[in-house]
Amino acid sequence: MLKGVNKALLLGSTAVAVLLVIVIGTSVVDRLDGGVADASRRPVTHRAVIFRDAPSGGIAVYDQGATEPFQILEREKNTFMATSLRLLGQVRQVRSKAGSDAPFVITRWNDGKLTLTDPSTGETLELAAYGQRNADTFAQLLPQASVPR
């Protein structure tokens, strides 16, 4: 069918994409139904980051306003991150005038959970919903003092 495409990677990426569409759709419905956030939940730390394609094919991660990436991640080892960003980018194109240089915000909360938020659309992903390993791909981008050992 597709030459040179790893079928397991393609199936895994498709499954993550479908899951993200379901979660994003659910969060929109929840918001329309007047969903209420936990009032005791407080941010412990956060980081506004911009993601760009690296010349190597990886994912270059920049602090907001920085001209050099603080980390370059291999796309093949971070397929959940790549898929999440692609889907949030598509939502951004439909619902916002913000471009690719608008930051996403990664937040660690006092309950230990992580979220990825697009401030330009208001869309937030609860990363623990996708499993701890997938949440950890974003946790590695937070300042080291905030990552539990």
Protein backbone atom coordinates (compact mmCIF):
# COMPACT_ATOMS: atom_id res chain seq x y z
CA MET A 1 0.00 0.00 0.00
CA LEU A 2 2.42 2.72 1.16
CA LYS A 3 6.07 2.05 0.47
CA GLY A 4 8.47 2.86 3.29
CA VAL A 5 5.74 3.54 5.87
CA ASN A 6 5.86 1.61 9.10
CA LYS A 7 2.33 0.18 9.42
CA ALA A 8 2.45 0.04 13.23
CA LEU A 9 3.48 3.71 13.39
CA LEU A 10 0.71 4.64 10.95
CA LEU A 11 -1.91 2.69 12.93
CA GLY A 12 -0.70 4.13 16.23
CA SER A 13 -0.75 7.69 14.90
CA THR A 14 -4.23 7.16 13.50
CA ALA A 15 -5.47 5.83 16.85
CA VAL A 16 -4.02 8.83 18.70
CA ALA A 17 -5.57 11.20 16.15
CA VAL A 18 -9.00 9.63 16.58
CA LEU A 19 -8.67 9.78 20.36
CA LEU A 20 -7.67 13.45 20.25
CA VAL A 21 -10.64 14.30 18.01
CA ILE A 22 -12.96 12.58 20.51
CA VAL A 23 -11.42 14.39 23.49
CA ILE A 24 -11.43 17.77 21.76
CA GLY A 25 -15.04 17.23 20.73
CA THR A 26 -15.95 16.20 24.27
CA SER A 27 -14.30 19.28 25.74
CA VAL A 28 -16.25 21.51 23.34
CA VAL A 29 -19.51 19.80 24.34
CA ASP A 30 -18.56 20.08 28.04
CA ARG A 31 -17.87 23.79 27.60
CA LEU A 32 -21.22 24.26 25.87
CA ASP A 33 -22.92 22.38 28.72
CA GLY A 34 -21.35 24.75 31.25
CA GLY A 35 -18.67 22.38 32.55
CA VAL A 36 -17.16 23.60 35.83
CA ALA A 37 -13.45 23.39 36.62
CA ASP A 38 -12.21 22.15 40.01
CA ALA A 39 -11.91 25.34 42.10
CA SER A 40 -9.13 23.84 44.27
CA ARG A 41 -6.90 23.19 41.27
CA ARG A 42 -3.94 25.58 41.09
CA PRO A 43 -1.03 25.79 38.65
CA VAL A 44 2.33 24.82 40.13
CA THR A 45 4.38 25.75 37.08
CA HIS A 46 3.85 26.48 33.42
CA ARG A 47 5.83 27.24 30.30
CA ALA A 48 4.74 29.04 27.14
CA VAL A 49 6.40 27.29 24.21
CA ILE A 50 6.38 27.46 20.45
CA PHE A 51 6.86 24.34 18.37
CA ARG A 52 8.44 24.41 14.90
CA ASP A 53 9.73 21.85 12.47
CA ALA A 54 13.49 21.45 12.85
CA PRO A 55 15.69 21.14 9.73
CA SER A 56 16.57 17.62 10.93
CA GLY A 57 12.88 16.64 10.75
CA GLY A 58 12.48 16.79 14.52
CA ILE A 59 10.38 19.08 16.67
CA ALA A 60 12.16 22.27 17.73
CA VAL A 61 10.85 23.72 21.00
CA TYR A 62 11.30 27.43 21.75
CA ASP A 63 10.46 29.52 24.76
CA GLN A 64 8.10 32.32 23.79
CA GLY A 65 10.20 35.16 22.37
CA ALA A 66 13.38 33.06 22.00
CA THR A 67 15.31 32.86 18.75
CA GLU A 68 16.99 29.52 19.49
CA PRO A 69 15.27 26.28 20.52
CA PHE A 70 15.94 25.01 24.03
CA GLN A 71 15.30 21.45 22.86
CA ILE A 72 14.99 19.50 19.62
CA LEU A 73 13.04 16.27 19.89
CA GLU A 74 13.10 13.33 17.50
CA ARG A 75 9.71 13.14 15.81
CA GLU A 76 9.81 9.32 15.68
CA LYS A 77 10.17 9.10 19.48
CA ASN A 78 7.53 11.77 20.11
CA THR A 79 4.66 10.76 17.82
CA PHE A 80 2.05 11.60 20.47
CA MET A 81 3.41 15.13 20.75
CA ALA A 82 3.60 15.55 16.98
CA THR A 83 0.03 14.28 16.53
CA SER A 84 -1.32 16.44 19.36
CA LEU A 85 0.32 19.55 17.94
CA ARG A 86 -0.89 18.80 14.43
CA LEU A 87 -4.50 18.42 15.64
CA LEU A 88 -4.37 21.51 17.86
CA GLY A 89 -2.85 23.38 14.92
CA GLN A 90 -5.80 22.36 12.75
CA VAL A 91 -8.25 23.56 15.41
CA ARG A 92 -6.26 26.81 15.58
CA GLN A 93 -6.58 27.33 11.82
CA VAL A 94 -10.36 26.94 12.00
CA ARG A 95 -11.11 28.84 15.22
CA SER A 96 -8.41 31.49 15.52
CA LYS A 97 -6.40 33.99 13.54
CA ALA A 98 -3.28 33.11 15.52
CA GLY A 99 -0.40 31.80 13.47
CA SER A 100 2.14 29.10 14.15
CA ASP A 101 4.23 31.53 16.24
CA ALA A 102 1.54 31.76 18.91
CA PRO A 103 2.58 29.77 21.99
CA PHE A 104 1.02 26.75 23.58
CA VAL A 105 1.13 26.55 27.39
CA ILE A 106 2.16 23.43 29.28
CA THR A 107 0.95 23.54 32.90
CA ARG A 108 1.60 21.27 35.86
CA TRP A 109 -1.22 21.51 38.42
CA ASN A 110 -1.19 20.99 42.20
CA ASP A 111 -2.89 17.62 41.65
CA GLY A 112 0.17 16.51 39.64
CA LYS A 113 -1.64 16.48 36.29
CA LEU A 114 -0.49 18.21 33.13
CA THR A 115 -2.40 20.17 30.54
CA LEU A 116 -1.52 21.53 27.13
CA THR A 117 -3.47 24.68 26.31
CA ASP A 118 -3.75 26.75 23.16
CA PRO A 119 -4.56 30.24 24.50
CA SER A 120 -5.58 31.39 21.02
CA THR A 121 -8.51 28.92 20.92
CA GLY A 122 -9.00 28.12 24.60
CA GLU A 123 -8.58 24.43 23.80
CA THR A 124 -7.00 22.39 26.62
CA LEU A 125 -5.86 18.78 26.57
CA GLU A 126 -5.69 16.87 29.86
CA LEU A 127 -2.53 14.94 29.04
CA ALA A 128 -3.03 12.21 31.67
CA ALA A 129 -6.04 11.06 29.67
CA TYR A 130 -3.59 9.69 27.09
CA GLY A 131 -1.42 7.79 29.57
CA GLN A 132 1.53 8.77 31.73
CA ARG A 133 4.13 8.03 29.06
CA ASN A 134 2.45 10.44 26.68
CA ALA A 135 2.08 13.09 29.41
CA ASP A 136 5.80 12.68 30.15
CA THR A 137 6.66 13.75 26.59
CA PHE A 138 5.33 17.19 27.51
CA ALA A 139 6.51 17.12 31.15
CA GLN A 140 10.12 16.97 29.94
CA LEU A 141 9.66 20.50 28.56
CA LEU A 142 8.83 22.04 31.94
CA PRO A 143 11.58 23.52 34.11
CA GLN A 144 13.42 20.66 35.81
CA ALA A 145 12.62 21.81 39.37
CA SER A 146 8.93 21.15 38.69
CA VAL A 147 9.28 17.56 37.49
CA PRO A 148 8.69 15.09 40.35
CA ARG A 149 11.43 12.53 40.89
